[in-house]
Amino acid sequence: MFEYLAEGVRAVDGDTIDCIIDLGFDIKIKKRVRLKGIDTPECRTKDLVEKAKGLSAKERVVNLIEGKHFIIRTEYDRVGKYGRVIGEIELVGGIILNDLLVSEGHAKRVDYK
């Protein structure tokens, strides 16, 4: 796993964020990151119950990451099905966002291989 400092730009949904990753030596890159090992309900669906749950998960992520600094851990050269970086987010205080969303009921554990 590789570890970088990052700043949250926006929550795309409950399990995908856009962030600026600091690669060091004043080199920064904006990337879309899929939160590793979790899945949240979809925000863009005709199922109104799922949509409400998805928007709730997204709002939680917005409050936790947008405009804030955190640590992102990624696997070297690993991207998901849609080309997103796969990562784990550590918030201030050592809280792992991926785990927090599961414990609060916003996400479920998944193992994409």
PDB file of N, CA and C in Angstrom:
ATOM      1  N   MET A   1       0.837  -1.178   0.000  1.00  0.00           N
ATOM      2  CA  MET A   1       0.000   0.000   0.000  1.00  0.00           C
ATOM      3  C   MET A   1       0.888   1.249   0.000  1.00  0.00           C
ATOM      4  N   PHE A   2       0.446   2.252  -0.722  1.00  0.00           N
ATOM      5  CA  PHE A   2       1.122   3.540  -0.759  1.00  0.00           C
ATOM      6  C   PHE A   2       0.262   4.549  -0.011  1.00  0.00           C
ATOM      7  N   GLU A   3       0.901   5.485   0.646  1.00  0.00           N
ATOM      8  CA  GLU A   3       0.199   6.440   1.489  1.00  0.00           C
ATOM      9  C   GLU A   3       0.516   7.853   1.023  1.00  0.00           C
ATOM     10  N   TYR A   4      -0.541   8.663   0.856  1.00  0.00           N
ATOM     11  CA  TYR A   4      -0.383  10.039   0.391  1.00  0.00           C
ATOM     12  C   TYR A   4      -1.259  10.971   1.219  1.00  0.00           C
ATOM     13  N   LEU A   5      -0.869  12.228   1.291  1.00  0.00           N
ATOM     14  CA  LEU A   5      -1.750  13.256   1.831  1.00  0.00           C
ATOM     15  C   LEU A   5      -2.681  13.678   0.704  1.00  0.00           C
ATOM     16  N   ALA A   6      -3.914  14.001   1.046  1.00  0.00           N
ATOM     17  CA  ALA A   6      -4.878  14.397   0.024  1.00  0.00           C
ATOM     18  C   ALA A   6      -5.859  15.407   0.603  1.00  0.00           C
ATOM     19  N   GLU A   7      -6.554  16.089  -0.304  1.00  0.00           N
ATOM     20  CA  GLU A   7      -7.614  17.021   0.083  1.00  0.00           C
ATOM     21  C   GLU A   7      -8.876  16.651  -0.675  1.00  0.00           C
ATOM     22  N   GLY A   8      -9.986  16.557   0.042  1.00  0.00           N
ATOM     23  CA  GLY A   8     -11.257  16.212  -0.585  1.00  0.00           C
ATOM     24  C   GLY A   8     -11.801  17.364  -1.406  1.00  0.00           C
ATOM     25  N   VAL A   9     -12.203  17.073  -2.638  1.00  0.00           N
ATOM     26  CA  VAL A   9     -12.788  18.080  -3.522  1.00  0.00           C
ATOM     27  C   VAL A   9     -14.305  17.941  -3.524  1.00  0.00           C
ATOM     28  N   ARG A  10     -14.795  16.699  -3.748  1.00  0.00           N
ATOM     29  CA  ARG A  10     -16.245  16.476  -3.751  1.00  0.00           C
ATOM     30  C   ARG A  10     -16.550  15.002  -3.575  1.00  0.00           C
ATOM     31  N   ALA A  11     -17.719  14.748  -3.038  1.00  0.00           N
ATOM     32  CA  ALA A  11     -18.237  13.385  -2.964  1.00  0.00           C
ATOM     33  C   ALA A  11     -19.091  13.169  -4.209  1.00  0.00           C
ATOM     34  N   VAL A  12     -18.732  12.194  -5.012  1.00  0.00           N
ATOM     35  CA  VAL A  12     -19.508  11.857  -6.204  1.00  0.00           C
ATOM     36  C   VAL A  12     -20.757  11.108  -5.764  1.00  0.00           C
ATOM     37  N   ASP A  13     -20.569  10.168  -4.849  1.00  0.00           N
ATOM     38  CA  ASP A  13     -21.646   9.448  -4.178  1.00  0.00           C
ATOM     39  C   ASP A  13     -21.070   8.923  -2.867  1.00  0.00           C
ATOM     40  N   GLY A  14     -21.718   7.968  -2.239  1.00  0.00           N
ATOM     41  CA  GLY A  14     -21.265   7.511  -0.937  1.00  0.00           C
ATOM     42  C   GLY A  14     -19.968   6.736  -0.928  1.00  0.00           C
ATOM     43  N   ASP A  15     -19.597   6.161  -2.074  1.00  0.00           N
ATOM     44  CA  ASP A  15     -18.373   5.354  -2.110  1.00  0.00           C
ATOM     45  C   ASP A  15     -17.362   5.803  -3.160  1.00  0.00           C
ATOM     46  N   THR A  16     -17.550   6.993  -3.697  1.00  0.00           N
ATOM     47  CA  THR A  16     -16.619   7.543  -4.690  1.00  0.00           C
ATOM     48  C   THR A  16     -16.401   9.026  -4.405  1.00  0.00           C
ATOM     49  N   ILE A  17     -15.124   9.426  -4.384  1.00  0.00           N
ATOM     50  CA  ILE A  17     -14.804  10.831  -4.126  1.00  0.00           C
ATOM     51  C   ILE A  17     -13.808  11.341  -5.161  1.00  0.00           C
ATOM     52  N   ASP A  18     -13.789  12.642  -5.335  1.00  0.00           N
ATOM     53  CA  ASP A  18     -12.737  13.306  -6.095  1.00  0.00           C
ATOM     54  C   ASP A  18     -11.833  13.990  -5.084  1.00  0.00           C
ATOM     55  N   CYS A  19     -10.525  13.837  -5.263  1.00  0.00           N
ATOM     56  CA  CYS A  19      -9.593  14.477  -4.331  1.00  0.00           C
ATOM     57  C   CYS A  19      -8.315  14.872  -5.053  1.00  0.00           C
ATOM     58  N   ILE A  20      -7.594  15.766  -4.421  1.00  0.00           N
ATOM     59  CA  ILE A  20      -6.284  16.180  -4.919  1.00  0.00           C
ATOM     60  C   ILE A  20      -5.256  15.457  -4.067  1.00  0.00           C
ATOM     61  N   ILE A  21      -4.452  14.634  -4.719  1.00  0.00           N
ATOM     62  CA  ILE A  21      -3.458  13.814  -4.032  1.00  0.00           C
ATOM     63  C   ILE A  21      -2.093  14.473  -4.162  1.00  0.00           C
ATOM     64  N   ASP A  22      -1.420  14.641  -3.034  1.00  0.00           N
ATOM     65  CA  ASP A  22      -0.082  15.233  -2.987  1.00  0.00           C
ATOM     66  C   ASP A  22       0.943  14.117  -3.165  1.00  0.00           C
ATOM     67  N   LEU A  23       1.626  14.115  -4.305  1.00  0.00           N
ATOM     68  CA  LEU A  23       2.612  13.081  -4.616  1.00  0.00           C
ATOM     69  C   LEU A  23       3.997  13.419  -4.071  1.00  0.00           C
ATOM     70  N   GLY A  24       4.147  14.618  -3.521  1.00  0.00           N
ATOM     71  CA  GLY A  24       5.439  15.066  -3.007  1.00  0.00           C
ATOM     72  C   GLY A  24       6.129  15.992  -3.993  1.00  0.00           C
ATOM     73  N   PHE A  25       7.100  16.731  -3.520  1.00  0.00           N
ATOM     74  CA  PHE A  25       7.876  17.660  -4.350  1.00  0.00           C
ATOM     75  C   PHE A  25       6.984  18.634  -5.116  1.00  0.00           C
ATOM     76  N   ASP A  26       5.930  19.107  -4.458  1.00  0.00           N
ATOM     77  CA  ASP A  26       4.974  20.054  -5.048  1.00  0.00           C
ATOM     78  C   ASP A  26       4.255  19.508  -6.279  1.00  0.00           C
ATOM     79  N   ILE A  27       4.137  18.205  -6.380  1.00  0.00           N
ATOM     80  CA  ILE A  27       3.399  17.580  -7.479  1.00  0.00           C
ATOM     81  C   ILE A  27       2.078  17.062  -6.923  1.00  0.00           C
ATOM     82  N   LYS A  28       0.978  17.580  -7.485  1.00  0.00           N
ATOM     83  CA  LYS A  28      -0.355  17.172  -7.043  1.00  0.00           C
ATOM     84  C   LYS A  28      -1.167  16.744  -8.253  1.00  0.00           C
ATOM     85  N   ILE A  29      -2.085  15.810  -8.021  1.00  0.00           N
ATOM     86  CA  ILE A  29      -2.914  15.300  -9.104  1.00  0.00           C
ATOM     87  C   ILE A  29      -4.333  15.091  -8.594  1.00  0.00           C
ATOM     88  N   LYS A  30      -5.299  15.466  -9.421  1.00  0.00           N
ATOM     89  CA  LYS A  30      -6.700  15.251  -9.054  1.00  0.00           C
ATOM     90  C   LYS A  30      -7.120  13.875  -9.566  1.00  0.00           C
ATOM     91  N   LYS A  31      -7.689  13.071  -8.679  1.00  0.00           N
ATOM     92  CA  LYS A  31      -8.095  11.713  -9.041  1.00  0.00           C
ATOM     93  C   LYS A  31      -9.462  11.391  -8.467  1.00  0.00           C
ATOM     94  N   ARG A  32     -10.165  10.509  -9.152  1.00  0.00           N
ATOM     95  CA  ARG A  32     -11.412   9.944  -8.636  1.00  0.00           C
ATOM     96  C   ARG A  32     -11.040   8.658  -7.917  1.00  0.00           C
ATOM     97  N   VAL A  33     -11.528   8.525  -6.689  1.00  0.00           N
ATOM     98  CA  VAL A  33     -11.163   7.393  -5.835  1.00  0.00           C
ATOM     99  C   VAL A  33     -12.411   6.621  -5.432  1.00  0.00           C
ATOM    100  N   ARG A  34     -12.356   5.316  -5.627  1.00  0.00           N
ATOM    101  CA  ARG A  34     -13.419   4.398  -5.184  1.00  0.00           C
ATOM    102  C   ARG A  34     -12.997   3.870  -3.830  1.00  0.00           C
ATOM    103  N   LEU A  35     -13.859   4.008  -2.821  1.00  0.00           N
ATOM    104  CA  LEU A  35     -13.529   3.548  -1.477  1.00  0.00           C
ATOM    105  C   LEU A  35     -13.454   2.025  -1.458  1.00  0.00           C
ATOM    106  N   LYS A  36     -12.321   1.529  -1.029  1.00  0.00           N
ATOM    107  CA  LYS A  36     -12.007   0.104  -1.072  1.00  0.00           C
ATOM    108  C   LYS A  36     -12.891  -0.702  -0.120  1.00  0.00           C
ATOM    109  N   GLY A  37     -13.431  -1.809  -0.642  1.00  0.00           N
ATOM    110  CA  GLY A  37     -14.099  -2.802   0.193  1.00  0.00           C
ATOM    111  C   GLY A  37     -15.496  -2.470   0.668  1.00  0.00           C
ATOM    112  N   ILE A  38     -16.090  -1.394   0.129  1.00  0.00           N
ATOM    113  CA  ILE A  38     -17.456  -1.054   0.543  1.00  0.00           C
ATOM    114  C   ILE A  38     -18.317  -0.712  -0.665  1.00  0.00           C
ATOM    115  N   ASP A  39     -19.623  -0.751  -0.447  1.00  0.00           N
ATOM    116  CA  ASP A  39     -20.581  -0.349  -1.470  1.00  0.00           C
ATOM    117  C   ASP A  39     -21.716   0.388  -0.772  1.00  0.00           C
ATOM    118  N   THR A  40     -22.119   1.515  -1.328  1.00  0.00           N
ATOM    119  CA  THR A  40     -23.244   2.274  -0.782  1.00  0.00           C
ATOM    120  C   THR A  40     -24.388   2.255  -1.786  1.00  0.00           C
ATOM    121  N   PRO A  41     -25.606   2.513  -1.337  1.00  0.00           N
ATOM    122  CA  PRO A  41     -26.736   2.577  -2.264  1.00  0.00           C
ATOM    123  C   PRO A  41     -26.513   3.667  -3.319  1.00  0.00           C
ATOM    124  N   GLU A  42     -27.122   3.480  -4.466  1.00  0.00           N
ATOM    125  CA  GLU A  42     -26.964   4.422  -5.577  1.00  0.00           C
ATOM    126  C   GLU A  42     -27.777   5.695  -5.357  1.00  0.00           C
ATOM    127  N   CYS A  43     -27.211   6.816  -5.770  1.00  0.00           N
ATOM    128  CA  CYS A  43     -27.904   8.107  -5.720  1.00  0.00           C
ATOM    129  C   CYS A  43     -28.729   8.325  -6.983  1.00  0.00           C
ATOM    130  N   ARG A  44     -28.284   7.716  -8.068  1.00  0.00           N
ATOM    131  CA  ARG A  44     -28.941   7.906  -9.366  1.00  0.00           C
ATOM    132  C   ARG A  44     -29.693   6.627  -9.718  1.00  0.00           C
ATOM    133  N   THR A  45     -30.915   6.542  -9.239  1.00  0.00           N
ATOM    134  CA  THR A  45     -31.755   5.379  -9.487  1.00  0.00           C
ATOM    135  C   THR A  45     -33.217   5.805  -9.420  1.00  0.00           C
ATOM    136  N   LYS A  46     -34.072   5.020 -10.041  1.00  0.00           N
ATOM    137  CA  LYS A  46     -35.508   5.302  -9.979  1.00  0.00           C
ATOM    138  C   LYS A  46     -36.127   4.753  -8.696  1.00  0.00           C
ATOM    139  N   ASP A  47     -35.405   3.869  -8.015  1.00  0.00           N
ATOM    140  CA  ASP A  47     -35.869   3.311  -6.740  1.00  0.00           C
ATOM    141  C   ASP A  47     -35.726   4.398  -5.667  1.00  0.00           C
ATOM    142  N   LEU A  48     -36.842   4.954  -5.229  1.00  0.00           N
ATOM    143  CA  LEU A  48     -36.807   6.100  -4.317  1.00  0.00           C
ATOM    144  C   LEU A  48     -36.240   5.764  -2.945  1.00  0.00           C
ATOM    145  N   VAL A  49     -36.445   4.543  -2.471  1.00  0.00           N
ATOM    146  CA  VAL A  49     -35.893   4.137  -1.176  1.00  0.00           C
ATOM    147  C   VAL A  49     -34.375   4.054  -1.266  1.00  0.00           C
ATOM    148  N   GLU A  50     -33.879   3.395  -2.325  1.00  0.00           N
ATOM    149  CA  GLU A  50     -32.429   3.297  -2.515  1.00  0.00           C
ATOM    150  C   GLU A  50     -31.820   4.683  -2.713  1.00  0.00           C
ATOM    151  N   LYS A  51     -32.496   5.524  -3.486  1.00  0.00           N
ATOM    152  CA  LYS A  51     -31.991   6.877  -3.747  1.00  0.00           C
ATOM    153  C   LYS A  51     -31.850   7.671  -2.447  1.00  0.00           C
ATOM    154  N   ALA A  52     -32.841   7.583  -1.566  1.00  0.00           N
ATOM    155  CA  ALA A  52     -32.783   8.301  -0.284  1.00  0.00           C
ATOM    156  C   ALA A  52     -31.602   7.817   0.552  1.00  0.00           C
ATOM    157  N   LYS A  53     -31.375   6.508   0.577  1.00  0.00           N
ATOM    158  CA  LYS A  53     -30.236   5.956   1.322  1.00  0.00           C
ATOM    159  C   LYS A  53     -28.918   6.384   0.687  1.00  0.00           C
ATOM    160  N   GLY A  54     -28.879   6.392  -0.642  1.00  0.00           N
ATOM    161  CA  GLY A  54     -27.675   6.813  -1.355  1.00  0.00           C
ATOM    162  C   GLY A  54     -27.341   8.274  -1.103  1.00  0.00           C
ATOM    163  N   LEU A  55     -28.358   9.125  -1.109  1.00  0.00           N
ATOM    164  CA  LEU A  55     -28.137  10.551  -0.855  1.00  0.00           C
ATOM    165  C   LEU A  55     -27.707  10.798   0.589  1.00  0.00           C
ATOM    166  N   SER A  56     -28.218   9.997   1.511  1.00  0.00           N
ATOM    167  CA  SER A  56     -27.807  10.104   2.913  1.00  0.00           C
ATOM    168  C   SER A  56     -26.331   9.737   3.072  1.00  0.00           C
ATOM    169  N   ALA A  57     -25.916   8.654   2.407  1.00  0.00           N
ATOM    170  CA  ALA A  57     -24.505   8.239   2.453  1.00  0.00           C
ATOM    171  C   ALA A  57     -23.616   9.315   1.833  1.00  0.00           C
ATOM    172  N   LYS A  58     -24.051   9.856   0.697  1.00  0.00           N
ATOM    173  CA  LYS A  58     -23.271  10.901   0.030  1.00  0.00           C
ATOM    174  C   LYS A  58     -23.134  12.127   0.932  1.00  0.00           C
ATOM    175  N   GLU A  59     -24.209  12.541   1.567  1.00  0.00           N
ATOM    176  CA  GLU A  59     -24.177  13.716   2.445  1.00  0.00           C
ATOM    177  C   GLU A  59     -23.207  13.508   3.605  1.00  0.00           C
ATOM    178  N   ARG A  60     -23.168  12.289   4.129  1.00  0.00           N
ATOM    179  CA  ARG A  60     -22.229  11.981   5.217  1.00  0.00           C
ATOM    180  C   ARG A  60     -20.790  12.153   4.735  1.00  0.00           C
ATOM    181  N   VAL A  61     -20.516  11.651   3.535  1.00  0.00           N
ATOM    182  CA  VAL A  61     -19.163  11.759   2.971  1.00  0.00           C
ATOM    183  C   VAL A  61     -18.826  13.221   2.671  1.00  0.00           C
ATOM    184  N   VAL A  62     -19.776  13.971   2.135  1.00  0.00           N
ATOM    185  CA  VAL A  62     -19.568  15.408   1.888  1.00  0.00           C
ATOM    186  C   VAL A  62     -19.096  16.092   3.169  1.00  0.00           C
ATOM    187  N   ASN A  63     -19.794  15.838   4.266  1.00  0.00           N
ATOM    188  CA  ASN A  63     -19.462  16.486   5.542  1.00  0.00           C
ATOM    189  C   ASN A  63     -18.101  16.070   6.080  1.00  0.00           C
ATOM    190  N   LEU A  64     -17.654  14.874   5.738  1.00  0.00           N
ATOM    191  CA  LEU A  64     -16.392  14.367   6.275  1.00  0.00           C
ATOM    192  C   LEU A  64     -15.163  14.705   5.434  1.00  0.00           C
ATOM    193  N   ILE A  65     -15.336  14.884   4.106  1.00  0.00           N
ATOM    194  CA  ILE A  65     -14.135  15.035   3.270  1.00  0.00           C
ATOM    195  C   ILE A  65     -14.018  16.342   2.489  1.00  0.00           C
ATOM    196  N   GLU A  66     -15.115  16.961   2.118  1.00  0.00           N
ATOM    197  CA  GLU A  66     -15.002  18.121   1.231  1.00  0.00           C
ATOM    198  C   GLU A  66     -14.268  19.276   1.906  1.00  0.00           C
ATOM    199  N   GLY A  67     -13.167  19.703   1.272  1.00  0.00           N
ATOM    200  CA  GLY A  67     -12.352  20.794   1.791  1.00  0.00           C
ATOM    201  C   GLY A  67     -11.460  20.399   2.957  1.00  0.00           C
ATOM    202  N   LYS A  68     -11.405  19.117   3.237  1.00  0.00           N
ATOM    203  CA  LYS A  68     -10.612  18.642   4.378  1.00  0.00           C
ATOM    204  C   LYS A  68      -9.420  17.820   3.905  1.00  0.00           C
ATOM    205  N   HIS A  69      -8.401  17.749   4.762  1.00  0.00           N
ATOM    206  CA  HIS A  69      -7.204  16.966   4.462  1.00  0.00           C
ATOM    207  C   HIS A  69      -7.286  15.613   5.149  1.00  0.00           C
ATOM    208  N   PHE A  70      -6.728  14.604   4.498  1.00  0.00           N
ATOM    209  CA  PHE A  70      -6.742  13.245   5.025  1.00  0.00           C
ATOM    210  C   PHE A  70      -5.621  12.448   4.378  1.00  0.00           C
ATOM    211  N   ILE A  71      -5.472  11.223   4.819  1.00  0.00           N
ATOM    212  CA  ILE A  71      -4.490  10.308   4.231  1.00  0.00           C
ATOM    213  C   ILE A  71      -5.238   9.319   3.352  1.00  0.00           C
ATOM    214  N   ILE A  72      -4.696   9.057   2.177  1.00  0.00           N
ATOM    215  CA  ILE A  72      -5.265   8.029   1.308  1.00  0.00           C
ATOM    216  C   ILE A  72      -4.232   6.922   1.139  1.00  0.00           C
ATOM    217  N   ARG A  73      -4.687   5.693   1.257  1.00  0.00           N
ATOM    218  CA  ARG A  73      -3.824   4.526   1.029  1.00  0.00           C
ATOM    219  C   ARG A  73      -4.325   3.808  -0.214  1.00  0.00           C
ATOM    220  N   THR A  74      -3.415   3.563  -1.138  1.00  0.00           N
ATOM    221  CA  THR A  74      -3.766   2.897  -2.393  1.00  0.00           C
ATOM    222  C   THR A  74      -2.815   1.740  -2.649  1.00  0.00           C
ATOM    223  N   GLU A  75      -3.241   0.838  -3.522  1.00  0.00           N
ATOM    224  CA  GLU A  75      -2.355  -0.218  -3.982  1.00  0.00           C
ATOM    225  C   GLU A  75      -1.725   0.266  -5.279  1.00  0.00           C
ATOM    226  N   TYR A  76      -0.451   0.022  -5.439  1.00  0.00           N
ATOM    227  CA  TYR A  76       0.274   0.495  -6.614  1.00  0.00           C
ATOM    228  C   TYR A  76      -0.398   0.031  -7.899  1.00  0.00           C
ATOM    229  N   ASP A  77      -0.675   0.955  -8.782  1.00  0.00           N
ATOM    230  CA  ASP A  77      -1.236   0.675 -10.108  1.00  0.00           C
ATOM    231  C   ASP A  77      -2.562  -0.070 -10.091  1.00  0.00           C
ATOM    232  N   ARG A  78      -3.281  -0.080  -8.965  1.00  0.00           N
ATOM    233  CA  ARG A  78      -4.560  -0.777  -8.942  1.00  0.00           C
ATOM    234  C   ARG A  78      -5.683   0.218  -9.184  1.00  0.00           C
ATOM    235  N   VAL A  79      -6.451  -0.035 -10.224  1.00  0.00           N
ATOM    236  CA  VAL A  79      -7.639   0.761 -10.503  1.00  0.00           C
ATOM    237  C   VAL A  79      -8.814  -0.191 -10.662  1.00  0.00           C
ATOM    238  N   GLY A  80      -9.994   0.335 -10.447  1.00  0.00           N
ATOM    239  CA  GLY A  80     -11.201  -0.468 -10.549  1.00  0.00           C
ATOM    240  C   GLY A  80     -11.713  -0.568 -11.967  1.00  0.00           C
ATOM    241  N   LYS A  81     -12.856  -1.181 -12.075  1.00  0.00           N
ATOM    242  CA  LYS A  81     -13.529  -1.438 -13.347  1.00  0.00           C
ATOM    243  C   LYS A  81     -13.703  -0.169 -14.197  1.00  0.00           C
ATOM    244  N   TYR A  82     -13.945   0.961 -13.551  1.00  0.00           N
ATOM    245  CA  TYR A  82     -14.181   2.211 -14.274  1.00  0.00           C
ATOM    246  C   TYR A  82     -12.974   3.145 -14.265  1.00  0.00           C
ATOM    247  N   GLY A  83     -11.790   2.610 -13.972  1.00  0.00           N
ATOM    248  CA  GLY A  83     -10.564   3.396 -14.022  1.00  0.00           C
ATOM    249  C   GLY A  83     -10.298   4.259 -12.805  1.00  0.00           C
ATOM    250  N   ARG A  84     -11.082   4.065 -11.754  1.00  0.00           N
ATOM    251  CA  ARG A  84     -10.881   4.854 -10.536  1.00  0.00           C
ATOM    252  C   ARG A  84      -9.800   4.213  -9.669  1.00  0.00           C
ATOM    253  N   VAL A  85      -9.060   5.057  -8.969  1.00  0.00           N
ATOM    254  CA  VAL A  85      -8.101   4.583  -7.974  1.00  0.00           C
ATOM    255  C   VAL A  85      -8.906   3.902  -6.870  1.00  0.00           C
ATOM    256  N   ILE A  86      -8.396   2.794  -6.333  1.00  0.00           N
ATOM    257  CA  ILE A  86      -9.047   2.100  -5.219  1.00  0.00           C
ATOM    258  C   ILE A  86      -8.302   2.491  -3.950  1.00  0.00           C
ATOM    259  N   GLY A  87      -9.011   3.050  -2.972  1.00  0.00           N
ATOM    260  CA  GLY A  87      -8.300   3.541  -1.800  1.00  0.00           C
ATOM    261  C   GLY A  87      -9.053   3.458  -0.490  1.00  0.00           C
ATOM    262  N   GLU A  88      -8.271   3.601   0.550  1.00  0.00           N
ATOM    263  CA  GLU A  88      -8.790   3.670   1.919  1.00  0.00           C
ATOM    264  C   GLU A  88      -8.467   5.064   2.431  1.00  0.00           C
ATOM    265  N   ILE A  89      -9.432   5.705   3.072  1.00  0.00           N
ATOM    266  CA  ILE A  89      -9.272   7.077   3.546  1.00  0.00           C
ATOM    267  C   ILE A  89      -9.164   7.091   5.066  1.00  0.00           C
ATOM    268  N   GLU A  90      -8.083   7.711   5.561  1.00  0.00           N
ATOM    269  CA  GLU A  90      -7.928   7.893   7.006  1.00  0.00           C
ATOM    270  C   GLU A  90      -8.144   9.359   7.338  1.00  0.00           C
ATOM    271  N   LEU A  91      -9.194   9.625   8.090  1.00  0.00           N
ATOM    272  CA  LEU A  91      -9.539  10.978   8.496  1.00  0.00           C
ATOM    273  C   LEU A  91      -8.698  11.403   9.698  1.00  0.00           C
ATOM    274  N   VAL A  92      -8.786  12.674  10.055  1.00  0.00           N
ATOM    275  CA  VAL A  92      -8.112  13.178  11.252  1.00  0.00           C
ATOM    276  C   VAL A  92      -8.586  12.352  12.444  1.00  0.00           C
ATOM    277  N   GLY A  93      -7.663  12.006  13.313  1.00  0.00           N
ATOM    278  CA  GLY A  93      -8.007  11.199  14.481  1.00  0.00           C
ATOM    279  C   GLY A  93      -7.890   9.707  14.236  1.00  0.00           C
ATOM    280  N   GLY A  94      -7.411   9.334  13.036  1.00  0.00           N
ATOM    281  CA  GLY A  94      -7.195   7.926  12.731  1.00  0.00           C
ATOM    282  C   GLY A  94      -8.440   7.157  12.337  1.00  0.00           C
ATOM    283  N   ILE A  95      -9.551   7.842  12.101  1.00  0.00           N
ATOM    284  CA  ILE A  95     -10.798   7.176  11.715  1.00  0.00           C
ATOM    285  C   ILE A  95     -10.726   6.791  10.243  1.00  0.00           C
ATOM    286  N   ILE A  96     -10.998   5.521   9.955  1.00  0.00           N
ATOM    287  CA  ILE A  96     -11.011   5.042   8.572  1.00  0.00           C
ATOM    288  C   ILE A  96     -12.416   5.258   8.010  1.00  0.00           C
ATOM    289  N   LEU A  97     -12.532   6.120   7.003  1.00  0.00           N
ATOM    290  CA  LEU A  97     -13.828   6.462   6.418  1.00  0.00           C
ATOM    291  C   LEU A  97     -14.566   5.217   5.946  1.00  0.00           C
ATOM    292  N   ASN A  98     -13.865   4.318   5.271  1.00  0.00           N
ATOM    293  CA  ASN A  98     -14.488   3.110   4.742  1.00  0.00           C
ATOM    294  C   ASN A  98     -15.199   2.343   5.861  1.00  0.00           C
ATOM    295  N   ASP A  99     -14.509   2.156   6.989  1.00  0.00           N
ATOM    296  CA  ASP A  99     -15.065   1.422   8.135  1.00  0.00           C
ATOM    297  C   ASP A  99     -16.198   2.200   8.799  1.00  0.00           C
ATOM    298  N   LEU A 100     -16.035   3.508   8.899  1.00  0.00           N
ATOM    299  CA  LEU A 100     -17.044   4.353   9.533  1.00  0.00           C
ATOM    300  C   LEU A 100     -18.380   4.251   8.801  1.00  0.00           C
ATOM    301  N   LEU A 101     -18.341   4.302   7.475  1.00  0.00           N
ATOM    302  CA  LEU A 101     -19.580   4.228   6.698  1.00  0.00           C
ATOM    303  C   LEU A 101     -20.297   2.901   6.917  1.00  0.00           C
ATOM    304  N   VAL A 102     -19.532   1.826   7.068  1.00  0.00           N
ATOM    305  CA  VAL A 102     -20.133   0.513   7.351  1.00  0.00           C
ATOM    306  C   VAL A 102     -20.742   0.518   8.753  1.00  0.00           C
ATOM    307  N   SER A 103     -19.989   0.990   9.731  1.00  0.00           N
ATOM    308  CA  SER A 103     -20.475   0.961  11.122  1.00  0.00           C
ATOM    309  C   SER A 103     -21.704   1.846  11.323  1.00  0.00           C
ATOM    310  N   GLU A 104     -21.836   2.894  10.532  1.00  0.00           N
ATOM    311  CA  GLU A 104     -23.000   3.780  10.634  1.00  0.00           C
ATOM    312  C   GLU A 104     -24.181   3.296   9.792  1.00  0.00           C
ATOM    313  N   GLY A 105     -23.986   2.213   9.045  1.00  0.00           N
ATOM    314  CA  GLY A 105     -25.075   1.662   8.248  1.00  0.00           C
ATOM    315  C   GLY A 105     -25.247   2.278   6.872  1.00  0.00           C
ATOM    316  N   HIS A 106     -24.303   3.122   6.455  1.00  0.00           N
ATOM    317  CA  HIS A 106     -24.384   3.747   5.133  1.00  0.00           C
ATOM    318  C   HIS A 106     -23.847   2.844   4.024  1.00  0.00           C
ATOM    319  N   ALA A 107     -23.035   1.850   4.385  1.00  0.00           N
ATOM    320  CA  ALA A 107     -22.374   0.998   3.388  1.00  0.00           C
ATOM    321  C   ALA A 107     -22.358  -0.444   3.872  1.00  0.00           C
ATOM    322  N   LYS A 108     -22.122  -1.330   2.909  1.00  0.00           N
ATOM    323  CA  LYS A 108     -21.914  -2.743   3.249  1.00  0.00           C
ATOM    324  C   LYS A 108     -20.547  -3.152   2.724  1.00  0.00           C
ATOM    325  N   ARG A 109     -19.980  -4.164   3.335  1.00  0.00           N
ATOM    326  CA  ARG A 109     -18.681  -4.694   2.902  1.00  0.00           C
ATOM    327  C   ARG A 109     -18.858  -5.490   1.612  1.00  0.00           C
ATOM    328  N   VAL A 110     -17.921  -5.308   0.702  1.00  0.00           N
ATOM    329  CA  VAL A 110     -17.889  -6.091  -0.534  1.00  0.00           C
ATOM    330  C   VAL A 110     -16.441  -6.436  -0.850  1.00  0.00           C
ATOM    331  N   ASP A 111     -16.252  -7.484  -1.603  1.00  0.00           N
ATOM    332  CA  ASP A 111     -14.906  -7.891  -2.005  1.00  0.00           C
ATOM    333  C   ASP A 111     -14.895  -8.024  -3.522  1.00  0.00           C
ATOM    334  N   TYR A 112     -14.515  -6.952  -4.195  1.00  0.00           N
ATOM    335  CA  TYR A 112     -14.425  -6.970  -5.655  1.00  0.00           C
ATOM    336  C   TYR A 112     -13.079  -7.535  -6.050  1.00  0.00           C
ATOM    337  N   LYS A 113     -13.075  -8.577  -6.850  1.00  0.00           N
ATOM    338  CA  LYS A 113     -11.809  -9.162  -7.311  1.00  0.00           C
ATOM    339  C   LYS A 113     -11.787  -9.245  -8.806  1.00  0.00           C
TER     340      LYS A 113
END
